Amino acid sequence: RLVESGGGLVQPGGSLRLSCAASGFTVSSYAMSWYRQTPGRERELVASIMTAGVGTNYGDSMKGRVTISRDNARNTVFLQMNSLKPKATAVYYCKTRIFQYDYWGQGTQVTVSD
């Protein structure tokens, strides 16, 4: 199970840190990803973190403004977002793939607006 939190309303230029708490598996053992989706559009990759020691990958849409990280002790993955722009407004989802099945959280809404 994946549970996202940390979304909300933020002004342009602000920051947010999203959390994805996992249960039933160990986040360090699987690649973990953040995606985002706006109405009428497909989900797009924001960032991925591979299994321990392998590295990270960022989608073009927010590269340079987001950092993905993992806290193994808390079994949680984070997405730090900085210098947010209104076009970052979306529902952000956490995802992992285990044995060829994709597991998604319920999503957390991020709104960037004055």
PDB file of N, CA and C in Angstrom:
ATOM      1  N   ARG A   1       0.838  -1.181   0.000  1.00  0.00           N
ATOM      2  CA  ARG A   1       0.000   0.000   0.000  1.00  0.00           C
ATOM      3  C   ARG A   1       0.887   1.250   0.000  1.00  0.00           C
ATOM      4  N   LEU A   2       0.428   2.264  -0.736  1.00  0.00           N
ATOM      5  CA  LEU A   2       1.145   3.531  -0.831  1.00  0.00           C
ATOM      6  C   LEU A   2       0.201   4.651  -0.426  1.00  0.00           C
ATOM      7  N   VAL A   3       0.649   5.532   0.446  1.00  0.00           N
ATOM      8  CA  VAL A   3      -0.171   6.646   0.897  1.00  0.00           C
ATOM      9  C   VAL A   3       0.618   7.938   0.749  1.00  0.00           C
ATOM     10  N   GLU A   4       0.131   8.807  -0.133  1.00  0.00           N
ATOM     11  CA  GLU A   4       0.782  10.104  -0.352  1.00  0.00           C
ATOM     12  C   GLU A   4       0.221  11.146   0.600  1.00  0.00           C
ATOM     13  N   SER A   5       1.048  12.112   0.916  1.00  0.00           N
ATOM     14  CA  SER A   5       0.628  13.259   1.718  1.00  0.00           C
ATOM     15  C   SER A   5       1.551  14.425   1.415  1.00  0.00           C
ATOM     16  N   GLY A   6       1.167  15.592   1.909  1.00  0.00           N
ATOM     17  CA  GLY A   6       2.014  16.762   1.763  1.00  0.00           C
ATOM     18  C   GLY A   6       1.585  17.755   0.702  1.00  0.00           C
ATOM     19  N   GLY A   7       0.569  17.407  -0.061  1.00  0.00           N
ATOM     20  CA  GLY A   7       0.095  18.343  -1.059  1.00  0.00           C
ATOM     21  C   GLY A   7      -0.647  19.510  -0.430  1.00  0.00           C
ATOM     22  N   GLY A   8      -1.008  20.465  -1.259  1.00  0.00           N
ATOM     23  CA  GLY A   8      -1.742  21.621  -0.766  1.00  0.00           C
ATOM     24  C   GLY A   8      -1.620  22.788  -1.700  1.00  0.00           C
ATOM     25  N   LEU A   9      -1.970  23.946  -1.198  1.00  0.00           N
ATOM     26  CA  LEU A   9      -1.901  25.193  -1.956  1.00  0.00           C
ATOM     27  C   LEU A   9      -0.610  25.916  -1.607  1.00  0.00           C
ATOM     28  N   VAL A  10       0.103  26.309  -2.639  1.00  0.00           N
ATOM     29  CA  VAL A  10       1.356  27.042  -2.440  1.00  0.00           C
ATOM     30  C   VAL A  10       1.438  28.155  -3.472  1.00  0.00           C
ATOM     31  N   GLN A  11       2.066  29.245  -3.102  1.00  0.00           N
ATOM     32  CA  GLN A  11       2.226  30.360  -4.025  1.00  0.00           C
ATOM     33  C   GLN A  11       3.336  30.073  -5.024  1.00  0.00           C
ATOM     34  N   PRO A  12       3.267  30.686  -6.189  1.00  0.00           N
ATOM     35  CA  PRO A  12       4.366  30.539  -7.155  1.00  0.00           C
ATOM     36  C   PRO A  12       5.702  30.897  -6.518  1.00  0.00           C
ATOM     37  N   GLY A  13       6.702  30.073  -6.811  1.00  0.00           N
ATOM     38  CA  GLY A  13       8.016  30.263  -6.217  1.00  0.00           C
ATOM     39  C   GLY A  13       8.204  29.531  -4.909  1.00  0.00           C
ATOM     40  N   GLY A  14       7.121  28.974  -4.370  1.00  0.00           N
ATOM     41  CA  GLY A  14       7.201  28.272  -3.101  1.00  0.00           C
ATOM     42  C   GLY A  14       7.680  26.846  -3.232  1.00  0.00           C
ATOM     43  N   SER A  15       7.694  26.153  -2.096  1.00  0.00           N
ATOM     44  CA  SER A  15       8.185  24.779  -2.032  1.00  0.00           C
ATOM     45  C   SER A  15       7.177  23.887  -1.316  1.00  0.00           C
ATOM     46  N   LEU A  16       7.242  22.612  -1.662  1.00  0.00           N
ATOM     47  CA  LEU A  16       6.464  21.588  -0.972  1.00  0.00           C
ATOM     48  C   LEU A  16       7.292  20.321  -0.921  1.00  0.00           C
ATOM     49  N   ARG A  17       7.055  19.537   0.105  1.00  0.00           N
ATOM     50  CA  ARG A  17       7.654  18.206   0.161  1.00  0.00           C
ATOM     51  C   ARG A  17       6.543  17.183   0.264  1.00  0.00           C
ATOM     52  N   LEU A  18       6.466  16.337  -0.720  1.00  0.00           N
ATOM     53  CA  LEU A  18       5.475  15.268  -0.724  1.00  0.00           C
ATOM     54  C   LEU A  18       6.084  14.017  -0.105  1.00  0.00           C
ATOM     55  N   SER A  19       5.234  13.258   0.567  1.00  0.00           N
ATOM     56  CA  SER A  19       5.662  12.004   1.178  1.00  0.00           C
ATOM     57  C   SER A  19       4.848  10.852   0.622  1.00  0.00           C
ATOM     58  N   CYS A  20       5.474   9.706   0.531  1.00  0.00           N
ATOM     59  CA  CYS A  20       4.807   8.478   0.094  1.00  0.00           C
ATOM     60  C   CYS A  20       5.203   7.391   1.097  1.00  0.00           C
ATOM     61  N   ALA A  21       4.287   7.072   1.976  1.00  0.00           N
ATOM     62  CA  ALA A  21       4.538   6.050   2.995  1.00  0.00           C
ATOM     63  C   ALA A  21       4.104   4.695   2.464  1.00  0.00           C
ATOM     64  N   ALA A  22       5.004   3.747   2.532  1.00  0.00           N
ATOM     65  CA  ALA A  22       4.733   2.412   2.004  1.00  0.00           C
ATOM     66  C   ALA A  22       4.507   1.410   3.127  1.00  0.00           C
ATOM     67  N   SER A  23       3.671   0.446   2.865  1.00  0.00           N
ATOM     68  CA  SER A  23       3.470  -0.669   3.787  1.00  0.00           C
ATOM     69  C   SER A  23       3.309  -1.940   2.977  1.00  0.00           C
ATOM     70  N   GLY A  24       3.727  -3.030   3.553  1.00  0.00           N
ATOM     71  CA  GLY A  24       3.622  -4.317   2.881  1.00  0.00           C
ATOM     72  C   GLY A  24       4.825  -4.698   2.046  1.00  0.00           C
ATOM     73  N   PHE A  25       5.744  -3.771   1.885  1.00  0.00           N
ATOM     74  CA  PHE A  25       6.990  -4.061   1.178  1.00  0.00           C
ATOM     75  C   PHE A  25       8.021  -3.032   1.614  1.00  0.00           C
ATOM     76  N   THR A  26       9.263  -3.245   1.207  1.00  0.00           N
ATOM     77  CA  THR A  26      10.355  -2.365   1.613  1.00  0.00           C
ATOM     78  C   THR A  26      10.752  -1.481   0.445  1.00  0.00           C
ATOM     79  N   VAL A  27      10.689  -0.174   0.644  1.00  0.00           N
ATOM     80  CA  VAL A  27      10.926   0.751  -0.477  1.00  0.00           C
ATOM     81  C   VAL A  27      12.330   0.657  -1.022  1.00  0.00           C
ATOM     82  N   SER A  28      13.286   0.238  -0.205  1.00  0.00           N
ATOM     83  CA  SER A  28      14.663   0.151  -0.678  1.00  0.00           C
ATOM     84  C   SER A  28      14.870  -1.010  -1.642  1.00  0.00           C
ATOM     85  N   SER A  29      13.906  -1.904  -1.705  1.00  0.00           N
ATOM     86  CA  SER A  29      14.052  -3.092  -2.549  1.00  0.00           C
ATOM     87  C   SER A  29      13.473  -2.918  -3.944  1.00  0.00           C
ATOM     88  N   TYR A  30      12.779  -1.810  -4.180  1.00  0.00           N
ATOM     89  CA  TYR A  30      12.122  -1.598  -5.467  1.00  0.00           C
ATOM     90  C   TYR A  30      12.297  -0.158  -5.923  1.00  0.00           C
ATOM     91  N   ALA A  31      12.275   0.028  -7.224  1.00  0.00           N
ATOM     92  CA  ALA A  31      12.265   1.376  -7.759  1.00  0.00           C
ATOM     93  C   ALA A  31      10.952   2.057  -7.373  1.00  0.00           C
ATOM     94  N   MET A  32      11.045   3.309  -6.983  1.00  0.00           N
ATOM     95  CA  MET A  32       9.884   4.088  -6.572  1.00  0.00           C
ATOM     96  C   MET A  32       9.810   5.332  -7.453  1.00  0.00           C
ATOM     97  N   SER A  33       8.610   5.725  -7.819  1.00  0.00           N
ATOM     98  CA  SER A  33       8.462   6.851  -8.729  1.00  0.00           C
ATOM     99  C   SER A  33       7.364   7.791  -8.263  1.00  0.00           C
ATOM    100  N   TRP A  34       7.503   9.042  -8.704  1.00  0.00           N
ATOM    101  CA  TRP A  34       6.439  10.036  -8.581  1.00  0.00           C
ATOM    102  C   TRP A  34       5.972  10.393  -9.989  1.00  0.00           C
ATOM    103  N   TYR A  35       4.665  10.428 -10.161  1.00  0.00           N
ATOM    104  CA  TYR A  35       4.047  10.871 -11.395  1.00  0.00           C
ATOM    105  C   TYR A  35       3.090  12.019 -11.058  1.00  0.00           C
ATOM    106  N   ARG A  36       2.712  12.755 -12.089  1.00  0.00           N
ATOM    107  CA  ARG A  36       1.682  13.775 -11.888  1.00  0.00           C
ATOM    108  C   ARG A  36       0.690  13.703 -13.038  1.00  0.00           C
ATOM    109  N   GLN A  37      -0.514  14.178 -12.762  1.00  0.00           N
ATOM    110  CA  GLN A  37      -1.573  14.143 -13.774  1.00  0.00           C
ATOM    111  C   GLN A  37      -2.468  15.360 -13.640  1.00  0.00           C
ATOM    112  N   THR A  38      -2.764  15.967 -14.790  1.00  0.00           N
ATOM    113  CA  THR A  38      -3.740  17.051 -14.858  1.00  0.00           C
ATOM    114  C   THR A  38      -4.935  16.577 -15.659  1.00  0.00           C
ATOM    115  N   PRO A  39      -6.087  17.201 -15.470  1.00  0.00           N
ATOM    116  CA  PRO A  39      -7.310  16.741 -16.161  1.00  0.00           C
ATOM    117  C   PRO A  39      -7.123  16.653 -17.671  1.00  0.00           C
ATOM    118  N   GLY A  40      -7.528  15.531 -18.230  1.00  0.00           N
ATOM    119  CA  GLY A  40      -7.468  15.353 -19.670  1.00  0.00           C
ATOM    120  C   GLY A  40      -6.126  14.932 -20.212  1.00  0.00           C
ATOM    121  N   ARG A  41      -5.176  14.730 -19.327  1.00  0.00           N
ATOM    122  CA  ARG A  41      -3.839  14.350 -19.769  1.00  0.00           C
ATOM    123  C   ARG A  41      -3.410  13.064 -19.090  1.00  0.00           C
ATOM    124  N   GLU A  42      -2.479  12.358 -19.717  1.00  0.00           N
ATOM    125  CA  GLU A  42      -1.946  11.131 -19.125  1.00  0.00           C
ATOM    126  C   GLU A  42      -0.985  11.481 -17.988  1.00  0.00           C
ATOM    127  N   ARG A  43      -0.799  10.512 -17.112  1.00  0.00           N
ATOM    128  CA  ARG A  43       0.178  10.702 -16.052  1.00  0.00           C
ATOM    129  C   ARG A  43       1.572  10.779 -16.654  1.00  0.00           C
ATOM    130  N   GLU A  44       2.378  11.670 -16.127  1.00  0.00           N
ATOM    131  CA  GLU A  44       3.737  11.813 -16.625  1.00  0.00           C
ATOM    132  C   GLU A  44       4.726  11.649 -15.477  1.00  0.00           C
ATOM    133  N   LEU A  45       5.863  11.096 -15.820  1.00  0.00           N
ATOM    134  CA  LEU A  45       6.892  10.844 -14.829  1.00  0.00           C
ATOM    135  C   LEU A  45       7.491  12.155 -14.336  1.00  0.00           C
ATOM    136  N   VAL A  46       7.605  12.268 -13.014  1.00  0.00           N
ATOM    137  CA  VAL A  46       8.309  13.404 -12.415  1.00  0.00           C
ATOM    138  C   VAL A  46       9.710  12.969 -11.983  1.00  0.00           C
ATOM    139  N   ALA A  47       9.785  11.851 -11.265  1.00  0.00           N
ATOM    140  CA  ALA A  47      11.081  11.395 -10.766  1.00  0.00           C
ATOM    141  C   ALA A  47      10.995   9.937 -10.351  1.00  0.00           C
ATOM    142  N   SER A  48      12.131   9.275 -10.421  1.00  0.00           N
ATOM    143  CA  SER A  48      12.236   7.887  -9.957  1.00  0.00           C
ATOM    144  C   SER A  48      13.511   7.729  -9.150  1.00  0.00           C
ATOM    145  N   ILE A  49      13.434   6.843  -8.187  1.00  0.00           N
ATOM    146  CA  ILE A  49      14.630   6.469  -7.431  1.00  0.00           C
ATOM    147  C   ILE A  49      14.741   4.961  -7.500  1.00  0.00           C
ATOM    148  N   MET A  50      15.915   4.511  -7.886  1.00  0.00           N
ATOM    149  CA  MET A  50      16.115   3.089  -8.106  1.00  0.00           C
ATOM    150  C   MET A  50      16.417   2.393  -6.784  1.00  0.00           C
ATOM    151  N   THR A  51      16.655   1.097  -6.864  1.00  0.00           N
ATOM    152  CA  THR A  51      17.017   0.373  -5.657  1.00  0.00           C
ATOM    153  C   THR A  51      18.341   0.911  -5.124  1.00  0.00           C
ATOM    154  N   ALA A  52      18.609   0.599  -3.886  1.00  0.00           N
ATOM    155  CA  ALA A  52      19.705   1.218  -3.155  1.00  0.00           C
ATOM    156  C   ALA A  52      21.005   1.243  -3.953  1.00  0.00           C
ATOM    157  N   GLY A  53      21.569   2.439  -4.043  1.00  0.00           N
ATOM    158  CA  GLY A  53      22.880   2.576  -4.654  1.00  0.00           C
ATOM    159  C   GLY A  53      22.884   2.698  -6.168  1.00  0.00           C
ATOM    160  N   VAL A  54      21.697   2.686  -6.797  1.00  0.00           N
ATOM    161  CA  VAL A  54      21.690   2.690  -8.263  1.00  0.00           C
ATOM    162  C   VAL A  54      21.456   4.087  -8.831  1.00  0.00           C
ATOM    163  N   GLY A  55      20.671   4.939  -8.173  1.00  0.00           N
ATOM    164  CA  GLY A  55      20.548   6.299  -8.663  1.00  0.00           C
ATOM    165  C   GLY A  55      19.128   6.788  -8.835  1.00  0.00           C
ATOM    166  N   THR A  56      18.996   7.944  -9.474  1.00  0.00           N
ATOM    167  CA  THR A  56      17.716   8.604  -9.673  1.00  0.00           C
ATOM    168  C   THR A  56      17.550   8.993 -11.135  1.00  0.00           C
ATOM    169  N   ASN A  57      16.299   9.265 -11.495  1.00  0.00           N
ATOM    170  CA  ASN A  57      15.978   9.683 -12.852  1.00  0.00           C
ATOM    171  C   ASN A  57      14.875  10.721 -12.766  1.00  0.00           C
ATOM    172  N   TYR A  58      14.966  11.771 -13.588  1.00  0.00           N
ATOM    173  CA  TYR A  58      13.983  12.842 -13.532  1.00  0.00           C
ATOM    174  C   TYR A  58      13.374  13.066 -14.899  1.00  0.00           C
ATOM    175  N   GLY A  59      12.064  13.298 -14.895  1.00  0.00           N
ATOM    176  CA  GLY A  59      11.390  13.669 -16.122  1.00  0.00           C
ATOM    177  C   GLY A  59      11.734  15.095 -16.506  1.00  0.00           C
ATOM    178  N   ASP A  60      11.547  15.417 -17.770  1.00  0.00           N
ATOM    179  CA  ASP A  60      11.929  16.737 -18.268  1.00  0.00           C
ATOM    180  C   ASP A  60      11.068  17.857 -17.697  1.00  0.00           C
ATOM    181  N   SER A  61       9.822  17.534 -17.325  1.00  0.00           N
ATOM    182  CA  SER A  61       8.879  18.595 -16.961  1.00  0.00           C
ATOM    183  C   SER A  61       9.304  19.377 -15.730  1.00  0.00           C
ATOM    184  N   MET A  62       9.958  18.740 -14.770  1.00  0.00           N
ATOM    185  CA  MET A  62      10.303  19.435 -13.530  1.00  0.00           C
ATOM    186  C   MET A  62      11.774  19.268 -13.156  1.00  0.00           C
ATOM    187  N   LYS A  63      12.563  18.812 -14.099  1.00  0.00           N
ATOM    188  CA  LYS A  63      13.977  18.586 -13.815  1.00  0.00           C
ATOM    189  C   LYS A  63      14.639  19.865 -13.336  1.00  0.00           C
ATOM    190  N   GLY A  64      15.410  19.747 -12.276  1.00  0.00           N
ATOM    191  CA  GLY A  64      16.109  20.906 -11.734  1.00  0.00           C
ATOM    192  C   GLY A  64      15.351  21.574 -10.597  1.00  0.00           C
ATOM    193  N   ARG A  65      14.063  21.249 -10.473  1.00  0.00           N
ATOM    194  CA  ARG A  65      13.264  21.854  -9.409  1.00  0.00           C
ATOM    195  C   ARG A  65      12.757  20.820  -8.414  1.00  0.00           C
ATOM    196  N   VAL A  66      13.014  19.547  -8.673  1.00  0.00           N
ATOM    197  CA  VAL A  66      12.563  18.502  -7.760  1.00  0.00           C
ATOM    198  C   VAL A  66      13.712  17.577  -7.403  1.00  0.00           C
ATOM    199  N   THR A  67      13.596  17.000  -6.221  1.00  0.00           N
ATOM    200  CA  THR A  67      14.565  16.006  -5.756  1.00  0.00           C
ATOM    201  C   THR A  67      13.808  14.864  -5.109  1.00  0.00           C
ATOM    202  N   ILE A  68      14.091  13.652  -5.563  1.00  0.00           N
ATOM    203  CA  ILE A  68      13.468  12.477  -4.962  1.00  0.00           C
ATOM    204  C   ILE A  68      14.461  11.848  -4.001  1.00  0.00           C
ATOM    205  N   SER A  69      13.940  11.371  -2.878  1.00  0.00           N
ATOM    206  CA  SER A  69      14.799  10.740  -1.883  1.00  0.00           C
ATOM    207  C   SER A  69      14.014   9.657  -1.160  1.00  0.00           C
ATOM    208  N   ARG A  70      14.742   8.891  -0.381  1.00  0.00           N
ATOM    209  CA  ARG A  70      14.131   7.745   0.299  1.00  0.00           C
ATOM    210  C   ARG A  70      14.655   7.664   1.724  1.00  0.00           C
ATOM    211  N   ASP A  71      13.781   7.413   2.664  1.00  0.00           N
ATOM    212  CA  ASP A  71      14.160   7.193   4.060  1.00  0.00           C
ATOM    213  C   ASP A  71      13.818   5.742   4.385  1.00  0.00           C
ATOM    214  N   ASN A  72      14.829   4.915   4.393  1.00  0.00           N
ATOM    215  CA  ASN A  72      14.585   3.484   4.587  1.00  0.00           C
ATOM    216  C   ASN A  72      14.032   3.182   5.980  1.00  0.00           C
ATOM    217  N   ALA A  73      14.463   3.919   6.977  1.00  0.00           N
ATOM    218  CA  ALA A  73      13.999   3.667   8.341  1.00  0.00           C
ATOM    219  C   ALA A  73      12.496   3.941   8.477  1.00  0.00           C
ATOM    220  N   ARG A  74      12.024   4.921   7.699  1.00  0.00           N
ATOM    221  CA  ARG A  74      10.601   5.257   7.739  1.00  0.00           C
ATOM    222  C   ARG A  74       9.818   4.592   6.621  1.00  0.00           C
ATOM    223  N   ASN A  75      10.550   3.867   5.770  1.00  0.00           N
ATOM    224  CA  ASN A  75       9.927   3.202   4.617  1.00  0.00           C
ATOM    225  C   ASN A  75       9.087   4.184   3.809  1.00  0.00           C
ATOM    226  N   THR A  76       9.684   5.323   3.541  1.00  0.00           N
ATOM    227  CA  THR A  76       8.979   6.442   2.907  1.00  0.00           C
ATOM    228  C   THR A  76       9.841   7.046   1.810  1.00  0.00           C
ATOM    229  N   VAL A  77       9.185   7.479   0.753  1.00  0.00           N
ATOM    230  CA  VAL A  77       9.843   8.185  -0.333  1.00  0.00           C
ATOM    231  C   VAL A  77       9.324   9.621  -0.355  1.00  0.00           C
ATOM    232  N   PHE A  78      10.216  10.559  -0.646  1.00  0.00           N
ATOM    233  CA  PHE A  78       9.868  11.968  -0.631  1.00  0.00           C
ATOM    234  C   PHE A  78      10.086  12.588  -2.007  1.00  0.00           C
ATOM    235  N   LEU A  79       9.357  13.658  -2.259  1.00  0.00           N
ATOM    236  CA  LEU A  79       9.590  14.484  -3.431  1.00  0.00           C
ATOM    237  C   LEU A  79       9.647  15.933  -2.969  1.00  0.00           C
ATOM    238  N   GLN A  80      10.833  16.494  -2.978  1.00  0.00           N
ATOM    239  CA  GLN A  80      11.022  17.906  -2.631  1.00  0.00           C
ATOM    240  C   GLN A  80      10.857  18.731  -3.895  1.00  0.00           C
ATOM    241  N   MET A  81       9.936  19.670  -3.867  1.00  0.00           N
ATOM    242  CA  MET A  81       9.662  20.509  -5.030  1.00  0.00           C
ATOM    243  C   MET A  81       9.932  21.961  -4.673  1.00  0.00           C
ATOM    244  N   ASN A  82      10.741  22.625  -5.458  1.00  0.00           N
ATOM    245  CA  ASN A  82      11.120  24.008  -5.214  1.00  0.00           C
ATOM    246  C   ASN A  82      10.787  24.881  -6.419  1.00  0.00           C
ATOM    247  N   SER A  83      10.746  26.171  -6.171  1.00  0.00           N
ATOM    248  CA  SER A  83      10.499  27.159  -7.235  1.00  0.00           C
ATOM    249  C   SER A  83       9.288  26.767  -8.078  1.00  0.00           C
ATOM    250  N   LEU A  84       8.229  26.448  -7.395  1.00  0.00           N
ATOM    251  CA  LEU A  84       7.055  25.927  -8.086  1.00  0.00           C
ATOM    252  C   LEU A  84       6.382  26.979  -8.954  1.00  0.00           C
ATOM    253  N   LYS A  85       5.900  26.517 -10.101  1.00  0.00           N
ATOM    254  CA  LYS A  85       5.191  27.373 -11.036  1.00  0.00           C
ATOM    255  C   LYS A  85       3.734  26.900 -11.136  1.00  0.00           C
ATOM    256  N   PRO A  86       2.843  27.773 -11.569  1.00  0.00           N
ATOM    257  CA  PRO A  86       1.439  27.372 -11.685  1.00  0.00           C
ATOM    258  C   PRO A  86       1.230  26.124 -12.536  1.00  0.00           C
ATOM    259  N   LYS A  87       2.067  25.894 -13.528  1.00  0.00           N
ATOM    260  CA  LYS A  87       1.890  24.720 -14.381  1.00  0.00           C
ATOM    261  C   LYS A  87       2.237  23.422 -13.664  1.00  0.00           C
ATOM    262  N   ALA A  88       2.766  23.517 -12.459  1.00  0.00           N
ATOM    263  CA  ALA A  88       3.011  22.320 -11.654  1.00  0.00           C
ATOM    264  C   ALA A  88       1.739  21.833 -10.962  1.00  0.00           C
ATOM    265  N   THR A  89       0.672  22.596 -11.061  1.00  0.00           N
ATOM    266  CA  THR A  89      -0.598  22.185 -10.464  1.00  0.00           C
ATOM    267  C   THR A  89      -1.058  20.861 -11.065  1.00  0.00           C
ATOM    268  N   ALA A  90      -1.272  19.880 -10.200  1.00  0.00           N
ATOM    269  CA  ALA A  90      -1.626  18.535 -10.650  1.00  0.00           C
ATOM    270  C   ALA A  90      -1.892  17.660  -9.431  1.00  0.00           C
ATOM    271  N   VAL A  91      -2.376  16.467  -9.699  1.00  0.00           N
ATOM    272  CA  VAL A  91      -2.414  15.434  -8.664  1.00  0.00           C
ATOM    273  C   VAL A  91      -1.130  14.624  -8.806  1.00  0.00           C
ATOM    274  N   TYR A  92      -0.442  14.439  -7.715  1.00  0.00           N
ATOM    275  CA  TYR A  92       0.834  13.728  -7.714  1.00  0.00           C
ATOM    276  C   TYR A  92       0.635  12.345  -7.097  1.00  0.00           C
ATOM    277  N   TYR A  93       1.141  11.358  -7.823  1.00  0.00           N
ATOM    278  CA  TYR A  93       0.971   9.968  -7.422  1.00  0.00           C
ATOM    279  C   TYR A  93       2.329   9.300  -7.187  1.00  0.00           C
ATOM    280  N   CYS A  94       2.336   8.417  -6.231  1.00  0.00           N
ATOM    281  CA  CYS A  94       3.482   7.565  -5.965  1.00  0.00           C
ATOM    282  C   CYS A  94       3.221   6.203  -6.603  1.00  0.00           C
ATOM    283  N   LYS A  95       4.252   5.591  -7.139  1.00  0.00           N
ATOM    284  CA  LYS A  95       4.097   4.315  -7.820  1.00  0.00           C
ATOM    285  C   LYS A  95       5.301   3.416  -7.618  1.00  0.00           C
ATOM    286  N   THR A  96       5.028   2.124  -7.565  1.00  0.00           N
ATOM    287  CA  THR A  96       6.102   1.149  -7.611  1.00  0.00           C
ATOM    288  C   THR A  96       5.656  -0.035  -8.459  1.00  0.00           C
ATOM    289  N   ARG A  97       6.604  -0.811  -8.892  1.00  0.00           N
ATOM    290  CA  ARG A  97       6.308  -2.017  -9.662  1.00  0.00           C
ATOM    291  C   ARG A  97       6.921  -3.202  -8.939  1.00  0.00           C
ATOM    292  N   ILE A  98       6.071  -4.164  -8.628  1.00  0.00           N
ATOM    293  CA  ILE A  98       6.520  -5.381  -7.941  1.00  0.00           C
ATOM    294  C   ILE A  98       6.028  -6.581  -8.737  1.00  0.00           C
ATOM    295  N   PHE A  99       6.966  -7.403  -9.151  1.00  0.00           N
ATOM    296  CA  PHE A  99       6.630  -8.605  -9.933  1.00  0.00           C
ATOM    297  C   PHE A  99       5.713  -8.256 -11.103  1.00  0.00           C
ATOM    298  N   GLN A 100       6.079  -7.263 -11.853  1.00  0.00           N
ATOM    299  CA  GLN A 100       5.395  -6.837 -13.071  1.00  0.00           C
ATOM    300  C   GLN A 100       4.032  -6.198 -12.835  1.00  0.00           C
ATOM    301  N   TYR A 101       3.656  -5.951 -11.595  1.00  0.00           N
ATOM    302  CA  TYR A 101       2.408  -5.255 -11.309  1.00  0.00           C
ATOM    303  C   TYR A 101       2.725  -3.842 -10.804  1.00  0.00           C
ATOM    304  N   ASP A 102       1.964  -2.868 -11.299  1.00  0.00           N
ATOM    305  CA  ASP A 102       2.114  -1.491 -10.857  1.00  0.00           C
ATOM    306  C   ASP A 102       1.162  -1.211  -9.704  1.00  0.00           C
ATOM    307  N   TYR A 103       1.697  -0.595  -8.662  1.00  0.00           N
ATOM    308  CA  TYR A 103       0.897  -0.213  -7.502  1.00  0.00           C
ATOM    309  C   TYR A 103       0.957   1.303  -7.360  1.00  0.00           C
ATOM    310  N   TRP A 104      -0.204   1.912  -7.226  1.00  0.00           N
ATOM    311  CA  TRP A 104      -0.315   3.372  -7.146  1.00  0.00           C
ATOM    312  C   TRP A 104      -0.949   3.780  -5.825  1.00  0.00           C
ATOM    313  N   GLY A 105      -0.551   4.960  -5.351  1.00  0.00           N
ATOM    314  CA  GLY A 105      -1.247   5.552  -4.244  1.00  0.00           C
ATOM    315  C   GLY A 105      -2.490   6.277  -4.722  1.00  0.00           C
ATOM    316  N   GLN A 106      -3.170   6.914  -3.790  1.00  0.00           N
ATOM    317  CA  GLN A 106      -4.423   7.592  -4.116  1.00  0.00           C
ATOM    318  C   GLN A 106      -4.196   8.999  -4.676  1.00  0.00           C
ATOM    319  N   GLY A 107      -2.997   9.499  -4.546  1.00  0.00           N
ATOM    320  CA  GLY A 107      -2.664  10.811  -5.068  1.00  0.00           C
ATOM    321  C   GLY A 107      -2.828  11.925  -4.047  1.00  0.00           C
ATOM    322  N   THR A 108      -2.093  12.994  -4.259  1.00  0.00           N
ATOM    323  CA  THR A 108      -2.215  14.191  -3.422  1.00  0.00           C
ATOM    324  C   THR A 108      -2.219  15.418  -4.338  1.00  0.00           C
ATOM    325  N   GLN A 109      -3.154  16.308  -4.088  1.00  0.00           N
ATOM    326  CA  GLN A 109      -3.326  17.480  -4.947  1.00  0.00           C
ATOM    327  C   GLN A 109      -2.324  18.566  -4.590  1.00  0.00           C
ATOM    328  N   VAL A 110      -1.660  19.064  -5.610  1.00  0.00           N
ATOM    329  CA  VAL A 110      -0.778  20.226  -5.469  1.00  0.00           C
ATOM    330  C   VAL A 110      -1.345  21.343  -6.335  1.00  0.00           C
ATOM    331  N   THR A 111      -1.565  22.484  -5.722  1.00  0.00           N
ATOM    332  CA  THR A 111      -2.073  23.653  -6.440  1.00  0.00           C
ATOM    333  C   THR A 111      -1.117  24.814  -6.225  1.00  0.00           C
ATOM    334  N   VAL A 112      -0.616  25.345  -7.332  1.00  0.00           N
ATOM    335  CA  VAL A 112       0.309  26.480  -7.279  1.00  0.00           C
ATOM    336  C   VAL A 112      -0.430  27.698  -7.817  1.00  0.00           C
ATOM    337  N   SER A 113      -0.735  28.624  -6.927  1.00  0.00           N
ATOM    338  CA  SER A 113      -1.556  29.764  -7.314  1.00  0.00           C
ATOM    339  C   SER A 113      -1.407  30.886  -6.301  1.00  0.00           C
ATOM    340  N   ASP A 114      -1.655  32.095  -6.786  1.00  0.00           N
ATOM    341  CA  ASP A 114      -1.722  33.238  -5.878  1.00  0.00           C
ATOM    342  C   ASP A 114      -3.061  33.267  -5.152  1.00  0.00           C
TER     343      ASP A 114
END
